[in-house]
């Protein structure tokens, strides 16, 4: 089983710079002066490691946090430990906090959504509201779980699913890498495992994509383009998301299981 993968990150139409980062089989956005990037996977064998990081804090703060997260994942891969999620999160989280103190940037942080594919199994995890979806046989399923105020309100039945976008708390997170909660509590990832099959498509994305396209639109796009390669799908998703005002940075990784 092989994986055809490609990732892209775009500044969007409103933001002055791109605070996101992406990680595609060991490669990531190293040059932060390049706001728009495309990374194709060159890796032939497993494990395959992919992640999207949505930086928080504004300007250089968010960019630095998402870069630290990408660098930390590369360090874990270099030690053949990419699946040690707890160790990665703890290290990346503490490093971001340390850098935020050095930079005097109290709101510095990043979300993270990742997939590690080895053989016929994908380990998927996230912290924050960046997402991982699985497209299979004409259906789209969210594998990740948002760590957000809105998700908490939906879970408790206080607002309806369809009212997410209009909720006044939209965009507010309850977990992310670099958060500074009381009593030194560290963020905890939501983790799930999923068997993957030829024809499956994994989609990782920042909320810059999901704020421009709802799940029905994502499903329609993948249905129309499921025969195309990962790069083509990735480019079309970015193009579609940036057709309008596109107020946020947009990052996408598409992984086709072949």
Protein backbone atom coordinates (compact mmCIF):
# COMPACT_ATOMS: atom_id res chain seq x y z
CA UNK A 1 0.00 0.00 0.00
CA UNK A 2 1.38 3.42 -0.96
CA UNK A 3 0.39 7.01 -0.17
CA UNK A 4 0.19 9.81 -2.72
CA UNK A 5 0.33 13.01 -0.67
CA UNK A 6 0.64 16.75 -1.14
CA UNK A 7 0.27 19.75 1.16
CA UNK A 8 -0.27 23.46 0.56
CA UNK A 9 -0.54 26.58 2.69
CA UNK A 10 -1.87 29.96 1.55
CA UNK A 11 -1.87 33.37 3.27
CA UNK A 12 -5.47 34.09 2.28
CA UNK A 13 -6.83 37.48 1.24
CA UNK A 14 -6.90 39.50 4.50
CA UNK A 15 -4.04 38.44 6.79
CA UNK A 16 -0.70 40.22 6.38
CA UNK A 17 1.27 37.00 6.77
CA UNK A 18 0.82 33.24 7.02
CA UNK A 19 0.96 31.87 10.58
CA UNK A 20 0.27 28.25 9.52
CA UNK A 21 2.74 25.48 8.88
CA UNK A 22 2.38 22.06 7.28
CA UNK A 23 4.40 18.88 7.65
CA UNK A 24 4.57 16.41 4.76
CA UNK A 25 6.77 13.34 5.30
CA UNK A 26 9.64 15.24 6.90
CA UNK A 27 9.35 18.45 4.89
CA UNK A 28 7.73 21.63 6.20
CA UNK A 29 7.57 25.40 5.70
CA UNK A 30 11.12 26.39 6.64
CA UNK A 31 11.22 29.83 5.00
CA UNK A 32 8.65 31.97 6.84
CA UNK A 33 8.99 34.76 4.25
CA UNK A 34 7.21 32.46 1.77
CA UNK A 35 3.53 32.87 2.53
CA UNK A 36 2.27 30.42 -0.10
CA UNK A 37 3.86 26.97 -0.45
CA UNK A 38 3.23 23.56 -1.99
CA UNK A 39 4.99 20.44 -0.68
CA UNK A 40 4.83 17.10 -2.46
CA UNK A 41 5.70 13.92 -0.58
CA UNK A 42 8.84 12.21 -1.86
CA UNK A 43 8.79 9.38 0.69
CA UNK A 44 8.32 5.88 -0.73
CA UNK A 45 7.93 3.74 2.38
CA UNK A 46 6.21 3.94 5.77
CA UNK A 47 5.68 5.42 8.19
CA UNK A 48 4.13 8.45 6.54
CA UNK A 49 3.71 11.49 8.80
CA UNK A 50 1.52 14.48 8.03
CA UNK A 51 0.43 17.45 10.14
CA UNK A 52 -1.20 20.89 9.93
CA UNK A 53 -0.37 23.62 12.46
CA UNK A 54 -2.44 26.80 12.79
CA UNK A 55 -0.37 29.40 14.66
CA UNK A 56 -1.98 31.72 17.21
CA UNK A 57 -0.92 35.05 18.61
CA UNK A 58 -0.65 37.29 15.59
CA UNK A 59 2.23 38.22 13.29
CA UNK A 60 5.54 36.46 14.06
CA UNK A 61 4.23 34.84 17.26
CA UNK A 62 1.93 32.42 15.45
CA UNK A 63 4.50 31.69 12.77
CA UNK A 64 7.13 30.85 15.37
CA UNK A 65 4.77 28.58 17.32
CA UNK A 66 3.73 26.58 14.25
CA UNK A 67 7.36 26.33 13.12
CA UNK A 68 8.40 25.03 16.56
CA UNK A 69 5.66 22.39 16.29
CA UNK A 70 6.90 21.31 12.84
CA UNK A 71 10.53 21.21 13.99
CA UNK A 72 9.52 19.14 17.00
CA UNK A 73 7.73 16.61 14.82
CA UNK A 74 10.79 16.30 12.60
CA UNK A 75 12.94 15.67 15.70
CA UNK A 76 10.55 12.91 16.79
CA UNK A 77 10.71 11.34 13.33
CA UNK A 78 14.50 11.45 13.39
CA UNK A 79 14.31 9.35 16.57
CA UNK A 80 11.74 6.98 15.01
CA UNK A 81 9.26 8.17 17.62
CA UNK A 82 6.59 9.96 15.58
CA UNK A 83 3.87 7.81 17.16
CA UNK A 84 4.83 8.81 20.72
CA UNK A 85 2.14 11.47 20.76
CA UNK A 86 2.26 12.28 24.48
CA UNK A 87 6.01 12.89 24.43
CA UNK A 88 5.76 15.04 21.30
CA UNK A 89 2.93 17.19 22.66
CA UNK A 90 4.63 17.71 26.03
CA UNK A 91 7.93 18.73 24.42
CA UNK A 92 6.40 21.00 21.76
CA UNK A 93 4.06 22.59 24.30
CA UNK A 94 6.87 23.39 26.77
CA UNK A 95 9.14 24.69 24.00
CA UNK A 96 6.45 27.07 22.75
CA UNK A 97 5.80 28.35 26.27
CA UNK A 98 9.53 28.90 26.80
CA UNK A 99 9.79 30.81 23.51
CA UNK A 100 6.69 32.86 24.31
CA UNK A 101 8.30 33.98 27.58
CA UNK A 102 11.50 34.89 25.74
CA UNK A 103 9.54 36.87 23.13
CA UNK A 104 7.13 38.34 25.71
CA UNK A 105 4.25 36.97 23.61
CA UNK A 106 1.57 35.79 26.04
CA UNK A 107 -0.90 34.54 23.40
CA UNK A 108 1.59 32.52 21.35
CA UNK A 109 0.50 28.99 20.47
CA UNK A 110 -0.63 26.63 17.73
CA UNK A 111 -3.21 24.00 16.98
CA UNK A 112 -2.09 20.63 15.61
CA UNK A 113 -3.80 17.93 13.56
CA UNK A 114 -1.78 14.93 12.42
CA UNK A 115 -1.93 11.51 10.81
CA UNK A 116 0.73 8.79 10.96
CA UNK A 117 0.13 6.07 8.36
CA UNK A 118 1.93 2.76 8.72
CA UNK A 119 0.82 -0.25 6.73
CA UNK A 120 -2.97 -0.32 6.63
CA UNK A 121 -3.53 1.77 9.76
CA UNK A 122 -3.64 5.51 10.36
CA UNK A 123 -3.15 7.00 13.82
CA UNK A 124 -4.91 10.36 13.86
CA UNK A 125 -4.69 12.99 16.59
CA UNK A 126 -5.39 16.65 17.16
CA UNK A 127 -5.16 19.48 19.67
CA UNK A 128 -7.31 22.52 18.88
CA UNK A 129 -9.67 22.93 15.94
CA UNK A 130 -7.54 21.91 12.96
CA UNK A 131 -9.15 18.78 11.54
CA UNK A 132 -8.60 15.40 9.92
CA UNK A 133 -11.28 13.94 7.63
CA UNK A 134 -11.64 10.55 5.96
CA UNK A 135 -13.31 10.34 2.56
CA UNK A 136 -14.39 6.79 1.69
CA UNK A 137 -16.98 5.40 -0.73
CA UNK A 138 -18.74 8.72 -1.20
CA UNK A 139 -18.92 9.62 2.49
CA UNK A 140 -16.94 12.14 4.55
CA UNK A 141 -16.22 11.53 8.24
CA UNK A 142 -14.40 13.81 10.67
CA UNK A 143 -11.83 11.70 12.54
CA UNK A 144 -10.54 14.52 14.74
CA UNK A 145 -12.48 16.28 17.49
CA UNK A 146 -12.47 20.05 17.94
CA UNK A 147 -11.14 21.40 21.23
CA UNK A 148 -13.27 24.53 21.08
CA UNK A 149 -15.94 26.36 23.04
CA UNK A 150 -18.40 25.82 20.21
CA UNK A 151 -17.84 22.04 20.21
CA UNK A 152 -18.39 22.00 23.98
CA UNK A 153 -21.67 23.88 23.56
CA UNK A 154 -22.81 21.47 20.82
CA UNK A 155 -21.89 18.45 22.97
CA UNK A 156 -23.95 19.82 25.86
CA UNK A 157 -26.94 20.56 23.64
CA UNK A 158 -26.74 24.31 24.24
CA UNK A 159 -26.50 25.14 20.54
CA UNK A 160 -27.37 23.20 17.40
CA UNK A 161 -24.77 21.83 14.98
CA UNK A 162 -25.98 24.17 12.25
CA UNK A 163 -25.42 27.21 14.50
CA UNK A 164 -21.64 26.71 14.80
CA UNK A 165 -20.62 29.43 12.35
CA UNK A 166 -22.90 32.10 13.83
CA UNK A 167 -22.02 31.39 17.48
CA UNK A 168 -20.32 34.35 19.17
CA UNK A 169 -17.69 31.96 20.58
CA UNK A 170 -16.64 30.69 17.14
CA UNK A 171 -12.85 30.40 16.99
CA UNK A 172 -12.32 30.24 20.77
CA UNK A 173 -10.20 27.24 21.78
CA UNK A 174 -10.08 25.30 25.03
CA UNK A 175 -6.84 23.50 24.12
CA UNK A 176 -3.79 24.24 21.98
CA UNK A 177 -0.02 23.84 22.16
CA UNK A 178 1.40 26.72 24.20
CA UNK A 179 -1.71 27.43 26.28
CA UNK A 180 -1.01 28.55 29.83
CA UNK A 181 -3.86 27.19 31.99
CA UNK A 182 -4.04 27.09 35.77
CA UNK A 183 -2.04 24.52 37.71
CA UNK A 184 0.32 23.71 34.83
CA UNK A 185 -2.11 21.38 33.03
CA UNK A 186 -0.78 20.37 29.60
CA UNK A 187 -2.94 19.90 26.51
CA UNK A 188 -4.11 16.36 25.76
CA UNK A 189 -4.62 15.14 22.23
CA UNK A 190 -7.74 13.46 20.95
CA UNK A 191 -6.43 10.23 19.40
CA UNK A 192 -8.08 7.63 17.20
CA UNK A 193 -6.94 4.81 14.92
CA UNK A 194 -8.49 3.91 11.59
CA UNK A 195 -7.79 1.12 9.13
CA UNK A 196 -7.23 2.57 5.65
CA UNK A 197 -7.90 0.99 2.27
CA UNK A 198 -7.01 1.74 -1.36
CA UNK A 199 -9.22 4.56 -2.58
CA UNK A 200 -9.41 6.29 0.81
CA UNK A 201 -8.49 9.97 1.04
CA UNK A 202 -7.32 11.59 4.28
CA UNK A 203 -7.74 15.36 4.41
CA UNK A 204 -5.92 17.43 7.04
CA UNK A 205 -6.76 21.13 7.25
CA UNK A 206 -6.66 24.29 9.32
CA UNK A 207 -9.90 26.08 10.17
CA UNK A 208 -9.08 28.48 7.34
CA UNK A 209 -10.51 25.82 5.02
CA UNK A 210 -13.52 24.81 7.12
CA UNK A 211 -14.52 28.44 7.70
CA UNK A 212 -14.79 28.87 3.91
CA UNK A 213 -16.24 25.44 3.03
CA UNK A 214 -18.65 23.38 5.12
CA UNK A 215 -18.62 19.57 5.23
CA UNK A 216 -21.17 19.28 2.41
CA UNK A 217 -19.01 21.43 0.13
CA UNK A 218 -15.89 19.43 1.06
CA UNK A 219 -17.72 16.20 0.28
CA UNK A 220 -18.88 17.53 -3.07
CA UNK A 221 -15.37 18.61 -3.99
CA UNK A 222 -13.86 15.22 -3.10
CA UNK A 223 -16.63 13.34 -4.91
CA UNK A 224 -15.98 15.30 -8.10
CA UNK A 225 -12.21 14.91 -7.90
CA UNK A 226 -11.63 11.55 -6.19
CA UNK A 227 -9.94 10.14 -9.33
CA UNK A 228 -7.36 12.96 -9.38
CA UNK A 229 -3.97 12.84 -7.67
CA UNK A 230 -3.30 14.44 -4.29
CA UNK A 231 -1.61 17.53 -5.73
CA UNK A 232 -4.54 18.35 -8.00
CA UNK A 233 -7.09 17.95 -5.19
CA UNK A 234 -4.94 20.01 -2.84
CA UNK A 235 -4.62 22.88 -5.33
CA UNK A 236 -8.34 22.90 -6.08
CA UNK A 237 -9.25 23.02 -2.37
CA UNK A 238 -6.96 26.02 -1.87
CA UNK A 239 -8.37 27.72 -4.97
CA UNK A 240 -11.95 27.15 -3.83
CA UNK A 241 -11.26 28.39 -0.29
CA UNK A 242 -9.62 31.58 -1.55
CA UNK A 243 -12.32 32.50 -4.08
CA UNK A 244 -14.06 34.81 -1.61
CA UNK A 245 -12.68 37.14 1.06
CA UNK A 246 -10.79 34.30 2.79
CA UNK A 247 -10.01 36.11 6.04
CA UNK A 248 -7.74 33.41 7.46
CA UNK A 249 -4.67 31.48 6.36
CA UNK A 250 -5.60 28.19 4.66
CA UNK A 251 -3.59 24.96 4.98
CA UNK A 252 -4.47 21.61 3.45
CA UNK A 253 -2.83 18.17 3.15
CA UNK A 254 -4.36 15.50 0.92
CA UNK A 255 -3.30 11.84 1.29
CA UNK A 256 -4.54 9.31 -1.24
CA UNK A 257 -4.22 5.65 -0.21
CA UNK A 258 -3.24 3.59 -3.26
